[in-house]
């Protein structure tokens, strides 16, 4: 599964060619397999890290009309973007250490450096999204 996160205005989505990753034309992060399941585990960890229990109950919403084979584009909940943007560097490291120990990352043989780099990239992307009034989206394709 190919996965990338990118930022855009919601209105831009209808104009995007999502057959390939929008992260090639929009600010983004190559996500190294961080799909919706891994995003949900990150949300649970963030909920505890930033003391916002409601983060663990939010869902990413599908925003395109894909075929059965994809690709798919999901909107990341704005509260998740805000929580990511507010993380400090030490918090990014702590959250990444917890995230890499989840069953999902262990099954994919995720390593600490890869997950830390990914989370750091997501944190920077969230800060940019917040500064520019944009949203974070997850692009997935088989």
N, C-alpha and C. Protein backbone atom coordinates (compact mmCIF):
# COMPACT_ATOMS: atom_id res chain seq x y z
N UNK A 1 0.85 -1.18 0.00
CA UNK A 1 0.00 0.00 0.00
C UNK A 1 0.89 1.24 0.00
N UNK A 2 0.60 2.15 -0.90
CA UNK A 2 1.29 3.44 -0.94
C UNK A 2 0.47 4.45 -0.16
N UNK A 3 1.14 5.23 0.67
CA UNK A 3 0.44 6.24 1.46
C UNK A 3 1.27 7.51 1.53
N UNK A 4 0.61 8.64 1.38
CA UNK A 4 1.24 9.94 1.55
C UNK A 4 0.23 10.87 2.21
N UNK A 5 0.74 11.81 2.98
CA UNK A 5 -0.08 12.87 3.55
C UNK A 5 0.26 14.15 2.82
N UNK A 6 -0.74 14.98 2.57
CA UNK A 6 -0.51 16.26 1.89
C UNK A 6 -1.49 17.28 2.45
N UNK A 7 -1.18 18.56 2.21
CA UNK A 7 -2.10 19.62 2.63
C UNK A 7 -2.67 20.33 1.41
N UNK A 8 -3.91 20.74 1.57
CA UNK A 8 -4.61 21.46 0.50
C UNK A 8 -5.86 22.10 1.10
N UNK A 9 -6.46 22.98 0.34
CA UNK A 9 -7.78 23.48 0.69
C UNK A 9 -8.79 22.43 0.24
N UNK A 10 -9.86 22.27 0.98
CA UNK A 10 -10.90 21.29 0.62
C UNK A 10 -11.37 21.52 -0.82
N UNK A 11 -11.51 22.78 -1.21
CA UNK A 11 -12.01 23.10 -2.55
C UNK A 11 -11.06 22.64 -3.66
N UNK A 12 -9.79 22.45 -3.36
CA UNK A 12 -8.82 22.01 -4.36
C UNK A 12 -8.98 20.54 -4.74
N UNK A 13 -9.61 19.77 -3.88
CA UNK A 13 -9.65 18.32 -4.07
C UNK A 13 -10.31 17.91 -5.38
N UNK A 14 -11.34 18.62 -5.80
CA UNK A 14 -12.03 18.24 -7.03
C UNK A 14 -11.15 18.43 -8.27
N UNK A 15 -10.12 19.26 -8.15
CA UNK A 15 -9.25 19.53 -9.29
C UNK A 15 -8.01 18.64 -9.32
N UNK A 16 -7.80 17.87 -8.27
CA UNK A 16 -6.60 17.05 -8.19
C UNK A 16 -6.72 15.77 -9.00
N UNK A 17 -5.64 15.40 -9.67
CA UNK A 17 -5.55 14.10 -10.31
C UNK A 17 -4.95 13.17 -9.26
N UNK A 18 -5.79 12.34 -8.67
CA UNK A 18 -5.31 11.51 -7.56
C UNK A 18 -4.81 10.14 -8.01
N UNK A 19 -4.67 9.94 -9.31
CA UNK A 19 -4.12 8.67 -9.77
C UNK A 19 -2.69 8.49 -9.27
N UNK A 20 -2.01 9.60 -9.04
CA UNK A 20 -0.71 9.57 -8.39
C UNK A 20 -0.79 10.49 -7.17
N UNK A 21 0.17 10.38 -6.30
CA UNK A 21 0.10 11.10 -5.03
C UNK A 21 0.08 12.61 -5.20
N UNK A 22 -0.88 13.30 -4.59
CA UNK A 22 -0.88 14.76 -4.60
C UNK A 22 0.32 15.35 -3.85
N UNK A 23 1.02 14.53 -3.06
CA UNK A 23 2.21 15.03 -2.36
C UNK A 23 3.32 15.39 -3.34
N UNK A 24 3.17 15.02 -4.61
CA UNK A 24 4.16 15.41 -5.61
C UNK A 24 3.91 16.84 -6.11
N UNK A 25 2.71 17.37 -5.90
CA UNK A 25 2.39 18.74 -6.35
C UNK A 25 1.98 19.65 -5.21
N UNK A 26 1.77 19.10 -4.04
CA UNK A 26 1.37 19.86 -2.85
C UNK A 26 2.34 19.53 -1.72
N UNK A 27 2.47 20.42 -0.74
CA UNK A 27 3.33 20.08 0.39
C UNK A 27 2.86 18.77 1.00
N UNK A 28 3.80 17.87 1.24
CA UNK A 28 3.40 16.57 1.75
C UNK A 28 4.53 15.79 2.39
N UNK A 29 4.16 14.62 2.86
CA UNK A 29 5.09 13.71 3.52
C UNK A 29 4.85 12.31 2.98
N UNK A 30 5.92 11.64 2.53
CA UNK A 30 5.79 10.24 2.15
C UNK A 30 5.58 9.45 3.43
N UNK A 31 4.51 8.67 3.46
CA UNK A 31 4.06 8.11 4.73
C UNK A 31 4.50 6.69 5.02
N UNK A 32 5.24 6.06 4.14
CA UNK A 32 5.83 4.76 4.44
C UNK A 32 4.84 3.76 5.04
N UNK A 33 3.64 3.70 4.46
CA UNK A 33 2.65 2.73 4.92
C UNK A 33 1.78 3.17 6.08
N UNK A 34 1.82 4.43 6.43
CA UNK A 34 0.99 4.92 7.55
C UNK A 34 -0.44 5.14 7.06
N UNK A 35 -1.20 4.06 7.03
CA UNK A 35 -2.56 4.06 6.51
C UNK A 35 -3.56 4.53 7.57
N UNK A 36 -4.84 4.34 7.28
CA UNK A 36 -5.88 4.81 8.21
C UNK A 36 -5.83 4.07 9.55
N UNK A 37 -5.40 2.82 9.54
CA UNK A 37 -5.30 2.07 10.80
C UNK A 37 -4.19 2.66 11.67
N UNK A 38 -3.05 2.93 11.06
CA UNK A 38 -1.94 3.53 11.82
C UNK A 38 -2.29 4.95 12.26
N UNK A 39 -3.03 5.66 11.43
CA UNK A 39 -3.49 7.00 11.82
C UNK A 39 -4.39 6.91 13.05
N UNK A 40 -5.27 5.92 13.09
CA UNK A 40 -6.14 5.75 14.26
C UNK A 40 -5.33 5.44 15.52
N UNK A 41 -4.28 4.62 15.38
CA UNK A 41 -3.45 4.34 16.56
C UNK A 41 -2.71 5.59 17.00
N UNK A 42 -2.27 6.39 16.04
CA UNK A 42 -1.62 7.66 16.39
C UNK A 42 -2.59 8.57 17.13
N UNK A 43 -3.83 8.62 16.67
CA UNK A 43 -4.83 9.47 17.33
C UNK A 43 -5.03 9.04 18.78
N UNK A 44 -5.07 7.74 19.04
CA UNK A 44 -5.23 7.26 20.42
C UNK A 44 -4.05 7.69 21.29
N UNK A 45 -2.86 7.61 20.74
CA UNK A 45 -1.67 8.01 21.48
C UNK A 45 -1.67 9.52 21.71
N UNK A 46 -2.01 10.29 20.67
CA UNK A 46 -2.09 11.75 20.81
C UNK A 46 -3.13 12.16 21.85
N UNK A 47 -4.24 11.45 21.89
CA UNK A 47 -5.31 11.77 22.85
C UNK A 47 -4.77 11.78 24.27
N UNK A 48 -3.92 10.82 24.58
CA UNK A 48 -3.34 10.76 25.92
C UNK A 48 -2.21 11.77 26.08
N UNK A 49 -1.39 11.94 25.04
CA UNK A 49 -0.22 12.81 25.12
C UNK A 49 -0.61 14.28 25.31
N UNK A 50 -1.69 14.70 24.68
CA UNK A 50 -2.10 16.11 24.77
C UNK A 50 -3.34 16.30 25.62
N UNK A 51 -3.74 15.23 26.31
CA UNK A 51 -4.89 15.25 27.21
C UNK A 51 -6.16 15.75 26.51
N UNK A 52 -6.43 15.15 25.35
CA UNK A 52 -7.64 15.41 24.59
C UNK A 52 -8.28 14.08 24.25
N UNK A 53 -9.01 13.47 25.18
CA UNK A 53 -9.57 12.14 24.95
C UNK A 53 -10.43 12.02 23.69
N UNK A 54 -11.04 13.12 23.29
CA UNK A 54 -11.92 13.07 22.11
C UNK A 54 -11.16 12.73 20.83
N UNK A 55 -9.85 12.94 20.80
CA UNK A 55 -9.08 12.62 19.61
C UNK A 55 -9.16 11.14 19.25
N UNK A 56 -9.29 10.30 20.27
CA UNK A 56 -9.32 8.86 20.00
C UNK A 56 -10.63 8.40 19.38
N UNK A 57 -11.63 9.25 19.37
CA UNK A 57 -12.93 8.86 18.82
C UNK A 57 -13.20 9.45 17.43
N UNK A 58 -12.29 10.27 16.93
CA UNK A 58 -12.48 10.90 15.63
C UNK A 58 -12.13 9.93 14.51
N UNK A 59 -12.77 10.09 13.39
CA UNK A 59 -12.52 9.22 12.25
C UNK A 59 -12.10 10.05 11.06
N UNK A 60 -11.23 9.48 10.24
CA UNK A 60 -10.89 10.12 8.97
C UNK A 60 -12.05 9.88 8.03
N UNK A 61 -12.36 10.86 7.21
CA UNK A 61 -13.50 10.70 6.31
C UNK A 61 -13.03 10.63 4.86
N UNK A 62 -13.61 9.69 4.13
CA UNK A 62 -13.30 9.53 2.72
C UNK A 62 -13.86 10.74 1.97
N UNK A 63 -13.02 11.37 1.13
CA UNK A 63 -13.47 12.59 0.47
C UNK A 63 -13.52 12.47 -1.05
N UNK A 64 -13.22 11.28 -1.58
CA UNK A 64 -13.32 11.11 -3.03
C UNK A 64 -14.20 9.91 -3.33
N UNK A 65 -14.48 9.71 -4.61
CA UNK A 65 -15.28 8.57 -5.04
C UNK A 65 -14.35 7.60 -5.77
N UNK A 66 -13.71 6.72 -5.01
CA UNK A 66 -12.73 5.83 -5.62
C UNK A 66 -13.35 4.59 -6.23
N UNK A 67 -12.56 3.89 -6.98
CA UNK A 67 -12.94 2.55 -7.42
C UNK A 67 -12.56 1.60 -6.30
N UNK A 68 -12.89 0.33 -6.45
CA UNK A 68 -12.56 -0.66 -5.43
C UNK A 68 -11.05 -0.77 -5.22
N UNK A 69 -10.27 -0.46 -6.25
CA UNK A 69 -8.82 -0.55 -6.16
C UNK A 69 -8.17 0.76 -5.74
N UNK A 70 -8.97 1.80 -5.51
CA UNK A 70 -8.41 3.09 -5.13
C UNK A 70 -8.03 3.90 -6.36
N UNK A 71 -7.28 4.94 -6.15
CA UNK A 71 -6.78 5.43 -4.87
C UNK A 71 -7.88 6.07 -4.03
N UNK A 72 -7.57 6.25 -2.76
CA UNK A 72 -8.50 6.84 -1.81
C UNK A 72 -7.87 8.08 -1.19
N UNK A 73 -8.70 9.06 -0.90
CA UNK A 73 -8.24 10.27 -0.19
C UNK A 73 -9.13 10.45 1.04
N UNK A 74 -8.49 10.56 2.19
CA UNK A 74 -9.19 10.75 3.46
C UNK A 74 -8.81 12.08 4.06
N UNK A 75 -9.79 12.77 4.64
CA UNK A 75 -9.51 14.00 5.38
C UNK A 75 -9.13 13.62 6.81
N UNK A 76 -8.02 14.17 7.28
CA UNK A 76 -7.60 13.98 8.66
C UNK A 76 -8.40 14.98 9.50
N UNK A 77 -8.95 14.52 10.60
CA UNK A 77 -9.77 15.39 11.45
C UNK A 77 -8.99 16.65 11.85
N UNK A 78 -9.60 17.83 11.74
CA UNK A 78 -8.91 19.07 12.10
C UNK A 78 -8.33 19.06 13.52
N UNK A 79 -9.00 18.42 14.47
CA UNK A 79 -8.48 18.36 15.83
C UNK A 79 -7.17 17.58 15.89
N UNK A 80 -7.02 16.59 15.02
CA UNK A 80 -5.77 15.83 14.95
C UNK A 80 -4.66 16.71 14.39
N UNK A 81 -4.99 17.47 13.35
CA UNK A 81 -4.01 18.41 12.79
C UNK A 81 -3.55 19.39 13.85
N UNK A 82 -4.49 19.93 14.62
CA UNK A 82 -4.14 20.89 15.67
C UNK A 82 -3.25 20.26 16.73
N UNK A 83 -3.58 19.05 17.13
CA UNK A 83 -2.77 18.36 18.15
C UNK A 83 -1.36 18.09 17.63
N UNK A 84 -1.25 17.66 16.39
CA UNK A 84 0.07 17.42 15.80
C UNK A 84 0.88 18.71 15.74
N UNK A 85 0.23 19.79 15.34
CA UNK A 85 0.92 21.07 15.19
C UNK A 85 1.47 21.59 16.51
N UNK A 86 0.80 21.27 17.60
CA UNK A 86 1.22 21.76 18.91
C UNK A 86 2.29 20.92 19.59
N UNK A 87 2.62 19.77 19.03
CA UNK A 87 3.64 18.92 19.66
C UNK A 87 5.00 19.61 19.66
N UNK A 88 5.70 19.48 20.78
CA UNK A 88 7.08 19.95 20.86
C UNK A 88 8.00 18.86 20.33
N UNK A 89 9.25 19.19 20.11
CA UNK A 89 10.21 18.19 19.62
C UNK A 89 10.33 17.01 20.59
N UNK A 90 10.44 17.24 21.91
CA UNK A 90 10.48 16.09 22.82
C UNK A 90 9.19 15.26 22.78
N UNK A 91 8.05 15.93 22.62
CA UNK A 91 6.79 15.20 22.53
C UNK A 91 6.71 14.37 21.26
N UNK A 92 7.23 14.90 20.16
CA UNK A 92 7.27 14.14 18.90
C UNK A 92 8.04 12.85 19.13
N UNK A 93 9.18 12.96 19.77
CA UNK A 93 10.00 11.78 20.04
C UNK A 93 9.26 10.79 20.94
N UNK A 94 8.65 11.27 22.01
CA UNK A 94 7.92 10.39 22.94
C UNK A 94 6.75 9.70 22.26
N UNK A 95 5.98 10.45 21.49
CA UNK A 95 4.82 9.87 20.79
C UNK A 95 5.30 8.85 19.75
N UNK A 96 6.38 9.17 19.03
CA UNK A 96 6.91 8.25 18.03
C UNK A 96 7.36 6.94 18.68
N UNK A 97 7.99 7.03 19.85
CA UNK A 97 8.43 5.81 20.54
C UNK A 97 7.25 4.93 20.91
N UNK A 98 6.15 5.55 21.30
CA UNK A 98 4.96 4.78 21.63
C UNK A 98 4.29 4.23 20.37
N UNK A 99 4.25 5.05 19.31
CA UNK A 99 3.60 4.66 18.07
C UNK A 99 4.32 3.46 17.42
N UNK A 100 5.65 3.48 17.42
CA UNK A 100 6.40 2.40 16.77
C UNK A 100 6.20 1.06 17.49
N UNK A 101 5.78 1.11 18.74
CA UNK A 101 5.56 -0.12 19.50
C UNK A 101 4.15 -0.70 19.30
N UNK A 102 3.32 -0.05 18.51
CA UNK A 102 1.98 -0.58 18.27
C UNK A 102 2.06 -1.83 17.39
N UNK A 103 1.06 -2.63 17.52
CA UNK A 103 0.98 -3.88 16.75
C UNK A 103 1.10 -3.61 15.24
N UNK A 104 0.46 -2.54 14.79
CA UNK A 104 0.44 -2.22 13.36
C UNK A 104 1.85 -1.95 12.83
N UNK A 105 2.63 -1.17 13.55
CA UNK A 105 4.00 -0.90 13.11
C UNK A 105 4.88 -2.13 13.27
N UNK A 106 4.68 -2.90 14.34
CA UNK A 106 5.49 -4.12 14.51
C UNK A 106 5.25 -5.10 13.36
N UNK A 107 3.99 -5.25 12.95
CA UNK A 107 3.68 -6.14 11.83
C UNK A 107 4.34 -5.69 10.53
N UNK A 108 4.48 -4.39 10.37
CA UNK A 108 5.13 -3.84 9.17
C UNK A 108 6.64 -3.65 9.36
N UNK A 109 7.15 -4.11 10.50
CA UNK A 109 8.57 -3.98 10.83
C UNK A 109 9.03 -2.53 10.81
N UNK A 110 8.18 -1.65 11.33
CA UNK A 110 8.55 -0.25 11.45
C UNK A 110 9.67 -0.08 12.46
N UNK A 111 10.60 0.82 12.16
CA UNK A 111 11.69 1.05 13.10
C UNK A 111 11.58 2.45 13.69
N UNK A 112 12.25 2.64 14.80
CA UNK A 112 12.15 3.90 15.55
C UNK A 112 12.51 5.11 14.71
N UNK A 113 13.59 5.04 13.94
CA UNK A 113 14.01 6.20 13.15
C UNK A 113 12.99 6.55 12.08
N UNK A 114 12.48 5.55 11.37
CA UNK A 114 11.50 5.79 10.31
C UNK A 114 10.24 6.43 10.88
N UNK A 115 9.74 5.88 11.99
CA UNK A 115 8.50 6.40 12.58
C UNK A 115 8.72 7.78 13.17
N UNK A 116 9.87 8.01 13.79
CA UNK A 116 10.17 9.34 14.33
C UNK A 116 10.26 10.36 13.21
N UNK A 117 10.93 10.01 12.12
CA UNK A 117 11.03 10.93 10.98
C UNK A 117 9.65 11.21 10.39
N UNK A 118 8.83 10.17 10.28
CA UNK A 118 7.47 10.35 9.76
C UNK A 118 6.67 11.28 10.64
N UNK A 119 6.69 11.04 11.95
CA UNK A 119 5.92 11.88 12.86
C UNK A 119 6.43 13.32 12.86
N UNK A 120 7.73 13.49 12.78
CA UNK A 120 8.30 14.83 12.69
C UNK A 120 7.82 15.53 11.43
N UNK A 121 7.78 14.79 10.32
CA UNK A 121 7.26 15.35 9.07
C UNK A 121 5.79 15.72 9.16
N UNK A 122 5.01 14.86 9.81
CA UNK A 122 3.58 15.16 9.99
C UNK A 122 3.38 16.37 10.89
N UNK A 123 4.21 16.50 11.91
CA UNK A 123 4.11 17.65 12.81
C UNK A 123 4.40 18.94 12.05
N UNK A 124 5.45 18.93 11.22
CA UNK A 124 5.76 20.10 10.41
C UNK A 124 4.67 20.40 9.39
N UNK A 125 4.11 19.35 8.79
CA UNK A 125 3.01 19.51 7.84
C UNK A 125 1.78 20.10 8.53
N UNK A 126 1.51 19.65 9.73
CA UNK A 126 0.37 20.17 10.49
C UNK A 126 0.57 21.64 10.83
N UNK A 127 1.78 22.02 11.19
CA UNK A 127 2.06 23.43 11.47
C UNK A 127 1.83 24.28 10.23
N UNK A 128 2.28 23.78 9.10
CA UNK A 128 2.09 24.53 7.84
C UNK A 128 0.61 24.60 7.48
N UNK A 129 -0.10 23.49 7.64
CA UNK A 129 -1.54 23.49 7.35
C UNK A 129 -2.26 24.51 8.21
N UNK A 130 -1.92 24.54 9.48
CA UNK A 130 -2.56 25.49 10.40
C UNK A 130 -2.23 26.92 10.00
N UNK A 131 -0.99 27.20 9.66
CA UNK A 131 -0.57 28.55 9.29
C UNK A 131 -1.23 29.02 7.99
N UNK A 132 -1.47 28.09 7.07
CA UNK A 132 -2.03 28.44 5.77
C UNK A 132 -3.54 28.24 5.68
N UNK A 133 -4.15 27.77 6.76
CA UNK A 133 -5.60 27.54 6.76
C UNK A 133 -6.02 26.36 5.91
N UNK A 134 -5.13 25.40 5.75
CA UNK A 134 -5.42 24.22 4.93
C UNK A 134 -5.70 23.02 5.82
N UNK A 135 -6.04 21.89 5.18
CA UNK A 135 -6.30 20.64 5.88
C UNK A 135 -5.27 19.60 5.47
N UNK A 136 -5.12 18.60 6.31
CA UNK A 136 -4.27 17.46 5.96
C UNK A 136 -5.15 16.35 5.40
N UNK A 137 -4.65 15.74 4.32
CA UNK A 137 -5.34 14.62 3.69
C UNK A 137 -4.37 13.45 3.59
N UNK A 138 -4.93 12.26 3.65
CA UNK A 138 -4.17 11.02 3.48
C UNK A 138 -4.55 10.41 2.13
N UNK A 139 -3.56 10.21 1.28
CA UNK A 139 -3.75 9.55 -0.02
C UNK A 139 -3.25 8.12 0.11
N UNK A 140 -4.08 7.17 -0.32
CA UNK A 140 -3.71 5.75 -0.27
C UNK A 140 -3.99 5.10 -1.62
N UNK A 141 -3.08 4.21 -2.02
CA UNK A 141 -3.28 3.48 -3.27
C UNK A 141 -2.64 2.11 -3.15
N UNK A 142 -3.22 1.15 -3.87
CA UNK A 142 -2.64 -0.20 -3.89
C UNK A 142 -1.41 -0.25 -4.77
